[in-house]
Amino acid sequence: MRRALIWLHGGAWMQRDAGERSRGILAAHGLDVHPATYRLSHEATWPAQLDDVREAARKVRADHPGVPLLVAGTSAGAHLALHLALRGVDAPDDVAGVIAWAPPLDPLAADWPECRDPGSPWARLLGHVPAPGDQATADVTPANHVGNGVPVLLLHGREDDVVPATQTLDLSNALLASGHPVTTYLTAGGHDDDLGREDVRQVVASFLAASPAEPLIGPPR
């Protein structure tokens, strides 16, 4: 059965990067790829972006009844893809899997202090500087929403100088501790995604081959 996949663009939640090449590469894996967009941080603050991608998922679901739904994204889009998969569209278990390339994940990470600068993408997304004990900061952090068991593929370049690869490693540990099937692949290169590189293509193909056909896209619950 052909699966539907929502593609979420990167751009630090501040701009739109269509990612047409990545979408084409994912389509070559036998996926029905549907690009989705969301309000940028100068248009609305968190959680408006999650609301937007959930609404996009509902539209894909309505157009593809009975077809498994996956979600993928790069950078800021990977952050939103993980939220959609870990929290669900209308129920915690209604996404079949997620592929996340170089996701920014924890604005409070000790090794990423620039996240707490007033002009950082995180501060723009939240509308204020991320801080311990802040409800919005906790909500925007995917590790605080693990536990629904969705399969996760995390990809990250070891030389990434935009988003530290430790972001992916830390989430991988949280996912494993919560019982998620998780594949983590650290590879050569920096922040720009290259899903067409042969080693990455094989990892994605293996993940998709192992991903269950359930859950299915159906009517909202």
N, C-alpha and C. Protein backbone atom coordinates (compact mmCIF):
# COMPACT_ATOMS: atom_id res chain seq x y z
N MET A 1 0.85 -1.19 0.00
CA MET A 1 0.00 0.00 0.00
C MET A 1 0.88 1.24 0.00
N ARG A 2 0.60 2.19 -0.90
CA ARG A 2 1.35 3.44 -0.95
C ARG A 2 1.01 4.28 0.28
N ARG A 3 2.04 4.87 0.89
CA ARG A 3 1.83 5.66 2.09
C ARG A 3 1.91 7.15 1.77
N ALA A 4 1.17 7.96 2.52
CA ALA A 4 1.21 9.41 2.37
C ALA A 4 2.21 9.99 3.35
N LEU A 5 2.93 11.00 2.90
CA LEU A 5 3.92 11.65 3.75
C LEU A 5 3.77 13.16 3.64
N ILE A 6 3.71 13.81 4.79
CA ILE A 6 3.68 15.27 4.85
C ILE A 6 5.12 15.76 4.99
N TRP A 7 5.51 16.68 4.08
CA TRP A 7 6.86 17.25 4.14
C TRP A 7 6.78 18.66 4.71
N LEU A 8 7.59 18.93 5.75
CA LEU A 8 7.60 20.23 6.41
C LEU A 8 8.95 20.91 6.18
N HIS A 9 8.91 22.10 5.64
CA HIS A 9 10.12 22.82 5.25
C HIS A 9 10.87 23.36 6.46
N GLY A 10 12.16 23.62 6.24
CA GLY A 10 12.98 24.27 7.25
C GLY A 10 12.95 25.78 7.08
N GLY A 11 13.94 26.43 7.74
CA GLY A 11 14.02 27.88 7.64
C GLY A 11 13.99 28.59 8.97
N ALA A 12 14.35 27.89 10.07
CA ALA A 12 14.46 28.49 11.40
C ALA A 12 13.13 29.07 11.88
N TRP A 13 12.02 28.54 11.41
CA TRP A 13 10.67 29.03 11.70
C TRP A 13 10.48 30.48 11.25
N MET A 14 11.45 31.00 10.45
CA MET A 14 11.42 32.41 10.05
C MET A 14 11.26 32.60 8.54
N GLN A 15 11.53 31.56 7.76
CA GLN A 15 11.43 31.66 6.31
C GLN A 15 11.06 30.30 5.75
N ARG A 16 10.67 30.27 4.48
CA ARG A 16 10.22 29.03 3.86
C ARG A 16 11.26 28.52 2.87
N ASP A 17 11.64 27.27 3.05
CA ASP A 17 12.55 26.58 2.15
C ASP A 17 11.78 25.41 1.55
N ALA A 18 11.47 25.51 0.26
CA ALA A 18 10.56 24.54 -0.36
C ALA A 18 11.07 23.10 -0.27
N GLY A 19 12.38 22.90 -0.36
CA GLY A 19 12.94 21.55 -0.26
C GLY A 19 12.46 20.62 -1.36
N GLU A 20 12.37 21.14 -2.59
CA GLU A 20 11.81 20.34 -3.68
C GLU A 20 12.63 19.08 -3.96
N ARG A 21 13.95 19.18 -3.86
CA ARG A 21 14.78 18.01 -4.13
C ARG A 21 14.51 16.91 -3.10
N SER A 22 14.45 17.28 -1.84
CA SER A 22 14.18 16.29 -0.79
C SER A 22 12.82 15.64 -0.99
N ARG A 23 11.84 16.44 -1.37
CA ARG A 23 10.50 15.89 -1.61
C ARG A 23 10.53 14.88 -2.74
N GLY A 24 11.29 15.19 -3.80
CA GLY A 24 11.39 14.26 -4.92
C GLY A 24 12.09 12.97 -4.53
N ILE A 25 13.10 13.08 -3.69
CA ILE A 25 13.82 11.88 -3.24
C ILE A 25 12.91 11.00 -2.41
N LEU A 26 12.12 11.60 -1.53
CA LEU A 26 11.19 10.80 -0.71
C LEU A 26 10.10 10.18 -1.57
N ALA A 27 9.66 10.88 -2.58
CA ALA A 27 8.66 10.30 -3.49
C ALA A 27 9.22 9.08 -4.21
N ALA A 28 10.52 9.08 -4.49
CA ALA A 28 11.15 7.93 -5.15
C ALA A 28 11.16 6.69 -4.27
N HIS A 29 10.91 6.86 -2.96
CA HIS A 29 10.78 5.72 -2.05
C HIS A 29 9.36 5.13 -2.08
N GLY A 30 8.53 5.64 -2.96
CA GLY A 30 7.16 5.12 -3.07
C GLY A 30 6.18 5.81 -2.16
N LEU A 31 6.49 7.04 -1.77
CA LEU A 31 5.62 7.79 -0.88
C LEU A 31 4.85 8.86 -1.67
N ASP A 32 3.62 9.08 -1.28
CA ASP A 32 2.84 10.22 -1.78
C ASP A 32 3.20 11.42 -0.95
N VAL A 33 4.02 12.32 -1.47
CA VAL A 33 4.56 13.42 -0.69
C VAL A 33 3.69 14.66 -0.85
N HIS A 34 3.33 15.24 0.29
CA HIS A 34 2.48 16.43 0.32
C HIS A 34 3.18 17.52 1.10
N PRO A 35 3.71 18.55 0.44
CA PRO A 35 4.34 19.65 1.17
C PRO A 35 3.31 20.45 1.96
N ALA A 36 3.70 20.86 3.13
CA ALA A 36 2.81 21.67 3.97
C ALA A 36 3.61 22.85 4.51
N THR A 37 2.91 23.92 4.76
CA THR A 37 3.57 25.09 5.33
C THR A 37 2.91 25.46 6.64
N TYR A 38 3.43 26.47 7.27
CA TYR A 38 2.94 26.88 8.58
C TYR A 38 3.29 28.35 8.78
N ARG A 39 2.60 28.99 9.69
CA ARG A 39 2.89 30.38 9.97
C ARG A 39 4.31 30.54 10.52
N LEU A 40 4.99 31.55 10.02
CA LEU A 40 6.35 31.82 10.47
C LEU A 40 6.31 32.63 11.76
N SER A 41 7.48 32.72 12.41
CA SER A 41 7.50 33.30 13.75
C SER A 41 7.15 34.79 13.77
N HIS A 42 7.31 35.49 12.64
CA HIS A 42 6.89 36.89 12.62
C HIS A 42 5.38 37.02 12.37
N GLU A 43 4.74 35.90 12.03
CA GLU A 43 3.30 35.90 11.79
C GLU A 43 2.52 35.43 13.02
N ALA A 44 3.10 34.50 13.77
CA ALA A 44 2.44 33.96 14.96
C ALA A 44 3.48 33.22 15.79
N THR A 45 3.26 33.15 17.08
CA THR A 45 4.18 32.44 17.97
C THR A 45 3.60 31.06 18.31
N TRP A 46 4.47 30.27 18.89
CA TRP A 46 4.12 28.90 19.30
C TRP A 46 2.90 28.92 20.23
N PRO A 47 1.95 27.96 20.05
CA PRO A 47 1.96 26.75 19.23
C PRO A 47 1.21 26.87 17.90
N ALA A 48 1.12 28.07 17.32
CA ALA A 48 0.41 28.23 16.05
C ALA A 48 0.97 27.32 14.97
N GLN A 49 2.29 27.11 14.98
CA GLN A 49 2.92 26.28 13.95
C GLN A 49 2.44 24.83 14.05
N LEU A 50 2.30 24.32 15.25
CA LEU A 50 1.79 22.97 15.44
C LEU A 50 0.33 22.89 15.00
N ASP A 51 -0.46 23.90 15.32
CA ASP A 51 -1.85 23.93 14.87
C ASP A 51 -1.92 23.85 13.35
N ASP A 52 -1.04 24.57 12.67
CA ASP A 52 -1.07 24.62 11.21
C ASP A 52 -0.72 23.27 10.59
N VAL A 53 0.32 22.59 11.12
CA VAL A 53 0.69 21.31 10.52
C VAL A 53 -0.34 20.23 10.85
N ARG A 54 -0.99 20.34 11.98
CA ARG A 54 -2.09 19.41 12.27
C ARG A 54 -3.23 19.60 11.26
N GLU A 55 -3.55 20.85 10.96
CA GLU A 55 -4.62 21.10 9.99
C GLU A 55 -4.22 20.59 8.61
N ALA A 56 -2.96 20.74 8.24
CA ALA A 56 -2.48 20.21 6.97
C ALA A 56 -2.61 18.68 6.94
N ALA A 57 -2.30 18.04 8.06
CA ALA A 57 -2.42 16.59 8.14
C ALA A 57 -3.87 16.14 8.00
N ARG A 58 -4.79 16.90 8.56
CA ARG A 58 -6.20 16.54 8.44
C ARG A 58 -6.66 16.58 6.97
N LYS A 59 -6.14 17.54 6.23
CA LYS A 59 -6.51 17.64 4.81
C LYS A 59 -5.96 16.45 4.02
N VAL A 60 -4.71 16.07 4.31
CA VAL A 60 -4.14 14.89 3.63
C VAL A 60 -4.93 13.65 4.01
N ARG A 61 -5.28 13.52 5.26
CA ARG A 61 -6.05 12.37 5.73
C ARG A 61 -7.40 12.30 5.02
N ALA A 62 -8.06 13.42 4.85
CA ALA A 62 -9.37 13.43 4.18
C ALA A 62 -9.25 13.02 2.72
N ASP A 63 -8.12 13.37 2.10
CA ASP A 63 -7.92 13.04 0.68
C ASP A 63 -7.40 11.63 0.47
N HIS A 64 -6.91 10.97 1.53
CA HIS A 64 -6.31 9.64 1.42
C HIS A 64 -6.86 8.72 2.52
N PRO A 65 -8.13 8.45 2.53
CA PRO A 65 -8.70 7.60 3.58
C PRO A 65 -8.10 6.20 3.56
N GLY A 66 -7.76 5.70 4.74
CA GLY A 66 -7.24 4.34 4.85
C GLY A 66 -5.79 4.18 4.48
N VAL A 67 -5.06 5.29 4.26
CA VAL A 67 -3.65 5.22 3.87
C VAL A 67 -2.78 5.62 5.06
N PRO A 68 -1.73 4.88 5.38
CA PRO A 68 -0.86 5.26 6.50
C PRO A 68 -0.24 6.64 6.29
N LEU A 69 -0.15 7.41 7.34
CA LEU A 69 0.40 8.76 7.30
C LEU A 69 1.75 8.82 7.99
N LEU A 70 2.75 9.33 7.26
CA LEU A 70 4.05 9.61 7.84
C LEU A 70 4.31 11.10 7.71
N VAL A 71 5.32 11.57 8.43
CA VAL A 71 5.68 12.98 8.36
C VAL A 71 7.19 13.09 8.37
N ALA A 72 7.71 14.08 7.64
CA ALA A 72 9.15 14.28 7.56
C ALA A 72 9.44 15.77 7.44
N GLY A 73 10.65 16.15 7.80
CA GLY A 73 11.04 17.53 7.66
C GLY A 73 12.52 17.71 7.93
N THR A 74 13.00 18.89 7.61
CA THR A 74 14.39 19.23 7.84
C THR A 74 14.48 20.47 8.72
N SER A 75 15.42 20.49 9.64
CA SER A 75 15.67 21.61 10.53
C SER A 75 14.40 22.00 11.29
N ALA A 76 13.92 23.24 11.16
CA ALA A 76 12.70 23.64 11.87
C ALA A 76 11.52 22.76 11.48
N GLY A 77 11.48 22.34 10.22
CA GLY A 77 10.42 21.42 9.79
C GLY A 77 10.53 20.07 10.46
N ALA A 78 11.76 19.63 10.75
CA ALA A 78 11.95 18.37 11.47
C ALA A 78 11.46 18.48 12.90
N HIS A 79 11.68 19.64 13.52
CA HIS A 79 11.16 19.89 14.87
C HIS A 79 9.64 19.75 14.87
N LEU A 80 8.97 20.36 13.89
CA LEU A 80 7.51 20.28 13.83
C LEU A 80 7.04 18.88 13.46
N ALA A 81 7.79 18.20 12.60
CA ALA A 81 7.43 16.83 12.24
C ALA A 81 7.45 15.93 13.47
N LEU A 82 8.44 16.11 14.32
CA LEU A 82 8.51 15.31 15.54
C LEU A 82 7.34 15.62 16.48
N HIS A 83 6.98 16.88 16.60
CA HIS A 83 5.82 17.21 17.42
C HIS A 83 4.56 16.54 16.88
N LEU A 84 4.37 16.58 15.57
CA LEU A 84 3.18 15.98 14.97
C LEU A 84 3.15 14.48 15.22
N ALA A 85 4.29 13.83 15.09
CA ALA A 85 4.34 12.38 15.27
C ALA A 85 4.21 11.98 16.73
N LEU A 86 4.88 12.71 17.62
CA LEU A 86 4.88 12.34 19.04
C LEU A 86 3.56 12.69 19.73
N ARG A 87 2.88 13.73 19.24
CA ARG A 87 1.65 14.18 19.88
C ARG A 87 0.40 13.78 19.10
N GLY A 88 0.57 13.43 17.83
CA GLY A 88 -0.55 13.01 17.01
C GLY A 88 -1.28 14.18 16.37
N VAL A 89 -2.12 13.84 15.41
CA VAL A 89 -2.96 14.83 14.74
C VAL A 89 -4.21 15.08 15.58
N ASP A 90 -5.01 14.02 15.75
CA ASP A 90 -6.21 14.09 16.59
C ASP A 90 -6.17 13.07 17.72
N ALA A 91 -5.22 12.17 17.68
CA ALA A 91 -5.04 11.16 18.73
C ALA A 91 -3.55 10.84 18.81
N PRO A 92 -3.06 10.38 19.95
CA PRO A 92 -1.61 10.17 20.11
C PRO A 92 -1.01 9.13 19.17
N ASP A 93 -1.85 8.27 18.57
CA ASP A 93 -1.29 7.15 17.80
C ASP A 93 -1.72 7.18 16.33
N ASP A 94 -1.99 8.36 15.77
CA ASP A 94 -2.51 8.38 14.40
C ASP A 94 -1.48 8.78 13.35
N VAL A 95 -0.18 8.76 13.69
CA VAL A 95 0.90 8.95 12.72
C VAL A 95 1.75 7.68 12.73
N ALA A 96 2.11 7.19 11.55
CA ALA A 96 2.77 5.89 11.44
C ALA A 96 4.29 5.96 11.57
N GLY A 97 4.88 7.15 11.41
CA GLY A 97 6.33 7.27 11.51
C GLY A 97 6.79 8.66 11.16
N VAL A 98 8.04 8.98 11.55
CA VAL A 98 8.57 10.32 11.31
C VAL A 98 10.04 10.23 10.92
N ILE A 99 10.43 11.08 9.95
CA ILE A 99 11.82 11.20 9.52
C ILE A 99 12.24 12.65 9.78
N ALA A 100 13.26 12.84 10.60
CA ALA A 100 13.67 14.18 11.01
C ALA A 100 15.16 14.39 10.72
N TRP A 101 15.45 15.38 9.87
CA TRP A 101 16.84 15.69 9.52
C TRP A 101 17.28 16.95 10.27
N ALA A 102 18.34 16.84 11.06
CA ALA A 102 18.96 17.97 11.77
C ALA A 102 17.95 18.80 12.55
N PRO A 103 17.16 18.18 13.42
CA PRO A 103 16.13 18.95 14.12
C PRO A 103 16.68 19.74 15.31
N PRO A 104 16.30 21.02 15.44
CA PRO A 104 16.54 21.74 16.68
C PRO A 104 15.51 21.27 17.71
N LEU A 105 15.96 20.93 18.91
CA LEU A 105 15.08 20.21 19.83
C LEU A 105 15.00 20.76 21.24
N ASP A 106 16.06 21.34 21.74
CA ASP A 106 16.07 21.74 23.15
C ASP A 106 16.70 23.11 23.30
N PRO A 107 15.88 24.16 23.48
CA PRO A 107 16.43 25.51 23.61
C PRO A 107 17.15 25.75 24.93
N LEU A 108 17.09 24.78 25.84
CA LEU A 108 17.77 24.93 27.12
C LEU A 108 19.06 24.10 27.19
N ALA A 109 19.46 23.49 26.08
CA ALA A 109 20.66 22.65 26.08
C ALA A 109 21.88 23.44 26.51
N ALA A 110 22.67 22.86 27.40
CA ALA A 110 23.84 23.55 27.94
C ALA A 110 24.87 23.86 26.87
N ASP A 111 24.97 23.02 25.84
CA ASP A 111 25.97 23.23 24.80
C ASP A 111 25.47 24.09 23.64
N TRP A 112 24.32 24.74 23.82
CA TRP A 112 23.77 25.59 22.77
C TRP A 112 23.24 26.89 23.38
N PRO A 113 24.11 27.66 24.02
CA PRO A 113 23.68 28.84 24.78
C PRO A 113 23.07 29.94 23.92
N GLU A 114 23.43 29.99 22.63
CA GLU A 114 22.89 31.05 21.79
C GLU A 114 21.37 30.96 21.61
N CYS A 115 20.79 29.81 21.96
CA CYS A 115 19.32 29.69 21.93
C CYS A 115 18.66 30.68 22.89
N ARG A 116 19.37 31.05 23.93
CA ARG A 116 18.79 31.94 24.93
C ARG A 116 19.08 33.41 24.64
N ASP A 117 19.62 33.73 23.46
CA ASP A 117 19.77 35.12 23.05
C ASP A 117 18.41 35.71 22.68
N PRO A 118 18.15 36.95 22.99
CA PRO A 118 16.84 37.54 22.70
C PRO A 118 16.44 37.51 21.23
N GLY A 119 17.43 37.53 20.33
CA GLY A 119 17.10 37.53 18.90
C GLY A 119 17.19 36.16 18.24
N SER A 120 17.34 35.10 19.03
CA SER A 120 17.50 33.76 18.46
C SER A 120 16.21 33.28 17.81
N PRO A 121 16.30 32.32 16.88
CA PRO A 121 15.08 31.75 16.30
C PRO A 121 14.14 31.18 17.34
N TRP A 122 14.69 30.58 18.40
CA TRP A 122 13.84 30.05 19.47
C TRP A 122 13.06 31.17 20.16
N ALA A 123 13.74 32.28 20.46
CA ALA A 123 13.06 33.40 21.12
C ALA A 123 11.99 33.99 20.22
N ARG A 124 12.26 34.04 18.93
CA ARG A 124 11.27 34.54 17.98
C ARG A 124 10.07 33.60 17.90
N LEU A 125 10.34 32.30 17.93
CA LEU A 125 9.26 31.31 17.86
C LEU A 125 8.35 31.42 19.09
N LEU A 126 8.94 31.54 20.26
CA LEU A 126 8.17 31.59 21.50
C LEU A 126 7.58 32.97 21.79
N GLY A 127 8.22 33.99 21.25
CA GLY A 127 7.81 35.35 21.60
C GLY A 127 8.52 35.86 22.83
N HIS A 128 9.44 35.06 23.38
CA HIS A 128 10.24 35.45 24.53
C HIS A 128 11.43 34.51 24.63
N VAL A 129 12.39 34.87 25.42
CA VAL A 129 13.59 34.05 25.59
C VAL A 129 13.23 32.74 26.30
N PRO A 130 13.68 31.59 25.78
CA PRO A 130 13.43 30.32 26.47
C PRO A 130 14.01 30.34 27.88
N ALA A 131 13.28 29.70 28.81
CA ALA A 131 13.73 29.73 30.20
C ALA A 131 13.25 28.49 30.94
N PRO A 132 14.04 27.99 31.89
CA PRO A 132 13.58 26.88 32.74
C PRO A 132 12.32 27.28 33.49
N GLY A 133 11.40 26.33 33.60
CA GLY A 133 10.17 26.58 34.32
C GLY A 133 9.11 27.30 33.51
N ASP A 134 9.45 27.73 32.30
CA ASP A 134 8.48 28.41 31.44
C ASP A 134 7.64 27.37 30.71
N GLN A 135 6.32 27.51 30.77
CA GLN A 135 5.42 26.51 30.20
C GLN A 135 5.60 26.38 28.69
N ALA A 136 5.73 27.49 27.98
CA ALA A 136 5.89 27.43 26.53
C ALA A 136 7.21 26.78 26.14
N THR A 137 8.27 27.06 26.89
CA THR A 137 9.56 26.42 26.62
C THR A 137 9.46 24.91 26.79
N ALA A 138 8.79 24.48 27.83
CA ALA A 138 8.60 23.04 28.04
C ALA A 138 7.76 22.43 26.92
N ASP A 139 6.73 23.13 26.50
CA ASP A 139 5.83 22.59 25.48
C ASP A 139 6.51 22.49 24.12
N VAL A 140 7.39 23.42 23.78
CA VAL A 140 8.03 23.44 22.47
C VAL A 140 9.13 22.38 22.34
N THR A 141 9.50 21.75 23.45
CA THR A 141 10.61 20.79 23.49
C THR A 141 10.08 19.37 23.25
N PRO A 142 10.40 18.74 22.10
CA PRO A 142 9.83 17.43 21.77
C PRO A 142 10.09 16.35 22.81
N ALA A 143 11.22 16.38 23.49
CA ALA A 143 11.52 15.33 24.47
C ALA A 143 10.49 15.26 25.59
N ASN A 144 9.75 16.33 25.78
CA ASN A 144 8.71 16.32 26.82
C ASN A 144 7.42 15.67 26.36
N HIS A 145 7.41 15.14 25.14
CA HIS A 145 6.19 14.54 24.59
C HIS A 145 6.42 13.11 24.09
N VAL A 146 7.51 12.49 24.47
CA VAL A 146 7.79 11.12 24.02
C VAL A 146 6.88 10.14 24.75
N GLY A 147 6.75 8.94 24.15
CA GLY A 147 6.04 7.89 24.86
C GLY A 147 4.90 7.23 24.11
N ASN A 148 4.54 7.73 22.91
CA ASN A 148 3.42 7.10 22.20
C ASN A 148 3.86 5.93 21.33
N GLY A 149 5.19 5.69 21.24
CA GLY A 149 5.69 4.51 20.54
C GLY A 149 5.84 4.66 19.04
N VAL A 150 5.65 5.85 18.48
CA VAL A 150 5.78 6.02 17.04
C VAL A 150 7.23 5.75 16.61
N PRO A 151 7.45 5.05 15.48
CA PRO A 151 8.81 4.86 14.98
C PRO A 151 9.43 6.18 14.53
N VAL A 152 10.70 6.38 14.86
CA VAL A 152 11.38 7.64 14.59
C VAL A 152 12.71 7.37 13.89
N LEU A 153 12.97 8.12 12.83
CA LEU A 153 14.28 8.12 12.19
C LEU A 153 14.88 9.51 12.35
N LEU A 154 16.03 9.59 13.02
CA LEU A 154 16.76 10.83 13.22
C LEU A 154 18.03 10.81 12.39
N LEU A 155 18.24 11.87 11.61
CA LEU A 155 19.42 12.00 10.76
C LEU A 155 20.10 13.32 11.09
N HIS A 156 21.44 13.32 11.16
CA HIS A 156 22.14 14.56 11.52
C HIS A 156 23.57 14.51 11.01
N GLY A 157 24.04 15.62 10.46
CA GLY A 157 25.43 15.73 10.04
C GLY A 157 26.34 16.01 11.23
N ARG A 158 27.44 15.29 11.31
CA ARG A 158 28.34 15.45 12.46
C ARG A 158 28.97 16.83 12.51
N GLU A 159 29.13 17.48 11.35
CA GLU A 159 29.79 18.79 11.29
C GLU A 159 28.77 19.93 11.27
N ASP A 160 27.56 19.66 11.65
CA ASP A 160 26.51 20.69 11.64
C ASP A 160 26.90 21.84 12.57
N ASP A 161 27.06 23.05 12.01
CA ASP A 161 27.41 24.20 12.82
C ASP A 161 26.21 25.13 13.04
N VAL A 162 25.02 24.68 12.66
CA VAL A 162 23.79 25.43 12.89
C VAL A 162 23.01 24.83 14.06
N VAL A 163 22.79 23.53 13.99
CA VAL A 163 22.13 22.79 15.07
C VAL A 163 23.09 21.70 15.54
N PRO A 164 23.53 21.72 16.78
CA PRO A 164 24.49 20.69 17.24
C PRO A 164 23.92 19.28 17.10
N ALA A 165 24.76 18.35 16.67
CA ALA A 165 24.33 16.96 16.55
C ALA A 165 23.93 16.37 17.89
N THR A 166 24.39 16.95 18.98
CA THR A 166 23.99 16.47 20.30
C THR A 166 22.48 16.62 20.53
N GLN A 167 21.85 17.53 19.80
CA GLN A 167 20.39 17.65 19.90
C GLN A 167 19.73 16.32 19.51
N THR A 168 20.18 15.75 18.41
CA THR A 168 19.64 14.47 17.96
C THR A 168 19.99 13.34 18.91
N LEU A 169 21.22 13.33 19.40
CA LEU A 169 21.64 12.25 20.32
C LEU A 169 20.83 12.28 21.62
N ASP A 170 20.59 13.47 22.14
CA ASP A 170 19.84 13.58 23.39
C ASP A 170 18.40 13.10 23.20
N LEU A 171 17.76 13.47 22.09
CA LEU A 171 16.40 13.01 21.86
C LEU A 171 16.38 11.50 21.63
N SER A 172 17.37 10.98 20.95
CA SER A 172 17.44 9.54 20.72
C SER A 172 17.43 8.78 22.04
N ASN A 173 18.19 9.26 23.01
CA ASN A 173 18.21 8.61 24.33
C ASN A 173 16.84 8.67 25.00
N ALA A 174 16.18 9.81 24.91
CA ALA A 174 14.85 9.95 25.52
C ALA A 174 13.83 9.04 24.83
N LEU A 175 13.93 8.91 23.53
CA LEU A 175 13.03 8.02 22.79
C LEU A 175 13.25 6.57 23.17
N LEU A 176 14.51 6.16 23.24
CA LEU A 176 14.81 4.78 23.61
C LEU A 176 14.31 4.47 25.02
N ALA A 177 14.51 5.39 25.92
CA ALA A 177 14.07 5.18 27.30
C ALA A 177 12.55 5.08 27.41
N SER A 178 11.84 5.64 26.43
CA SER A 178 10.37 5.62 26.45
C SER A 178 9.79 4.53 25.57
N GLY A 179 10.65 3.68 24.98
CA GLY A 179 10.16 2.52 24.25
C GLY A 179 9.87 2.74 22.79
N HIS A 180 10.34 3.84 22.21
CA HIS A 180 10.12 4.07 20.79
C HIS A 180 11.07 3.22 19.95
N PRO A 181 10.61 2.66 18.82
CA PRO A 181 11.55 2.16 17.81
C PRO A 181 12.26 3.38 17.21
N VAL A 182 13.56 3.49 17.38
CA VAL A 182 14.28 4.68 16.91
C VAL A 182 15.54 4.27 16.16
N THR A 183 15.74 4.90 15.02
CA THR A 183 16.97 4.75 14.25
C THR A 183 17.65 6.10 14.22
N THR A 184 18.91 6.16 14.65
CA THR A 184 19.66 7.40 14.67
C THR A 184 20.89 7.23 13.79
N TYR A 185 21.05 8.15 12.82
CA TYR A 185 22.17 8.05 11.89
C TYR A 185 22.92 9.37 11.87
N LEU A 186 24.12 9.38 12.44
CA LEU A 186 25.02 10.52 12.34
C LEU A 186 25.93 10.28 11.14
N THR A 187 25.99 11.26 10.27
CA THR A 187 26.71 11.08 9.02
C THR A 187 27.64 12.25 8.79
N ALA A 188 28.44 12.16 7.76
CA ALA A 188 29.33 13.27 7.40
C ALA A 188 28.51 14.44 6.90
N GLY A 189 29.07 15.63 7.04
CA GLY A 189 28.41 16.79 6.48
C GLY A 189 27.85 17.73 7.53
N GLY A 190 27.27 18.82 7.03
CA GLY A 190 26.77 19.86 7.90
C GLY A 190 25.27 19.89 7.98
N HIS A 191 24.71 21.10 8.00
CA HIS A 191 23.29 21.26 8.27
C HIS A 191 22.40 20.98 7.06
N ASP A 192 22.88 21.28 5.86
CA ASP A 192 22.05 21.12 4.67
C ASP A 192 21.76 19.65 4.44
N ASP A 193 20.47 19.35 4.19
CA ASP A 193 20.06 17.97 4.03
C ASP A 193 20.45 17.45 2.65
N ASP A 194 20.80 16.17 2.60
CA ASP A 194 21.07 15.49 1.33
C ASP A 194 20.50 14.09 1.42
N LEU A 195 19.18 14.01 1.32
CA LEU A 195 18.50 12.72 1.42
C LEU A 195 18.79 11.81 0.23
N GLY A 196 19.41 12.39 -0.80
CA GLY A 196 19.71 11.58 -1.98
C GLY A 196 21.06 10.88 -1.94
N ARG A 197 21.89 11.20 -0.96
CA ARG A 197 23.17 10.53 -0.85
C ARG A 197 22.95 9.05 -0.57
N GLU A 198 23.76 8.19 -1.14
CA GLU A 198 23.46 6.76 -1.13
C GLU A 198 23.36 6.19 0.28
N ASP A 199 24.25 6.58 1.18
CA ASP A 199 24.17 6.02 2.53
C ASP A 199 22.88 6.45 3.22
N VAL A 200 22.51 7.72 3.04
CA VAL A 200 21.28 8.22 3.65
C VAL A 200 20.06 7.56 3.00
N ARG A 201 20.11 7.41 1.69
CA ARG A 201 18.98 6.78 0.99
C ARG A 201 18.74 5.36 1.53
N GLN A 202 19.81 4.63 1.78
CA GLN A 202 19.67 3.26 2.29
C GLN A 202 19.08 3.25 3.71
N VAL A 203 19.51 4.19 4.53
CA VAL A 203 18.97 4.27 5.89
C VAL A 203 17.47 4.58 5.85
N VAL A 204 17.08 5.53 5.00
CA VAL A 204 15.67 5.88 4.88
C VAL A 204 14.88 4.69 4.35
N ALA A 205 15.41 3.99 3.34
CA ALA A 205 14.72 2.83 2.78
C ALA A 205 14.53 1.75 3.83
N SER A 206 15.54 1.51 4.65
CA SER A 206 15.43 0.49 5.70
C SER A 206 14.40 0.88 6.75
N PHE A 207 14.38 2.15 7.10
CA PHE A 207 13.39 2.62 8.06
C PHE A 207 11.97 2.45 7.52
N LEU A 208 11.78 2.83 6.28
CA LEU A 208 10.44 2.72 5.68
C LEU A 208 10.02 1.26 5.54
N ALA A 209 10.97 0.38 5.24
CA ALA A 209 10.63 -1.04 5.11
C ALA A 209 10.20 -1.63 6.44
N ALA A 210 10.74 -1.10 7.53
CA ALA A 210 10.40 -1.63 8.86
C ALA A 210 9.20 -0.95 9.48
N SER A 211 8.79 0.20 8.93
CA SER A 211 7.68 0.95 9.53
C SER A 211 6.39 0.18 9.33
N PRO A 212 5.57 0.08 10.37
CA PRO A 212 4.31 -0.66 10.27
C PRO A 212 3.32 0.03 9.36
N ALA A 213 2.40 -0.75 8.81
CA ALA A 213 1.33 -0.19 7.98
C ALA A 213 0.29 0.52 8.83
N GLU A 214 0.25 0.23 10.12
CA GLU A 214 -0.67 0.89 11.04
C GLU A 214 0.12 1.90 11.88
N PRO A 215 -0.51 2.95 12.38
CA PRO A 215 -1.93 3.25 12.27
C PRO A 215 -2.29 3.79 10.90
N LEU A 216 -3.55 3.80 10.58
CA LEU A 216 -4.05 4.28 9.32
C LEU A 216 -4.67 5.66 9.48
N ILE A 217 -4.69 6.39 8.37
CA ILE A 217 -5.38 7.65 8.37
C ILE A 217 -6.87 7.35 8.26
N GLY A 218 -7.63 7.81 9.20
CA GLY A 218 -9.07 7.62 9.17
C GLY A 218 -9.78 8.86 9.63
N PRO A 219 -11.04 8.78 9.90
CA PRO A 219 -11.77 9.94 10.38
C PRO A 219 -11.22 10.40 11.72
N PRO A 220 -11.29 11.69 12.02
CA PRO A 220 -10.83 12.18 13.33
C PRO A 220 -11.53 11.46 14.47
N ARG A 221 -10.75 11.18 15.54
CA ARG A 221 -11.31 10.52 16.71
C ARG A 221 -11.43 11.48 17.87
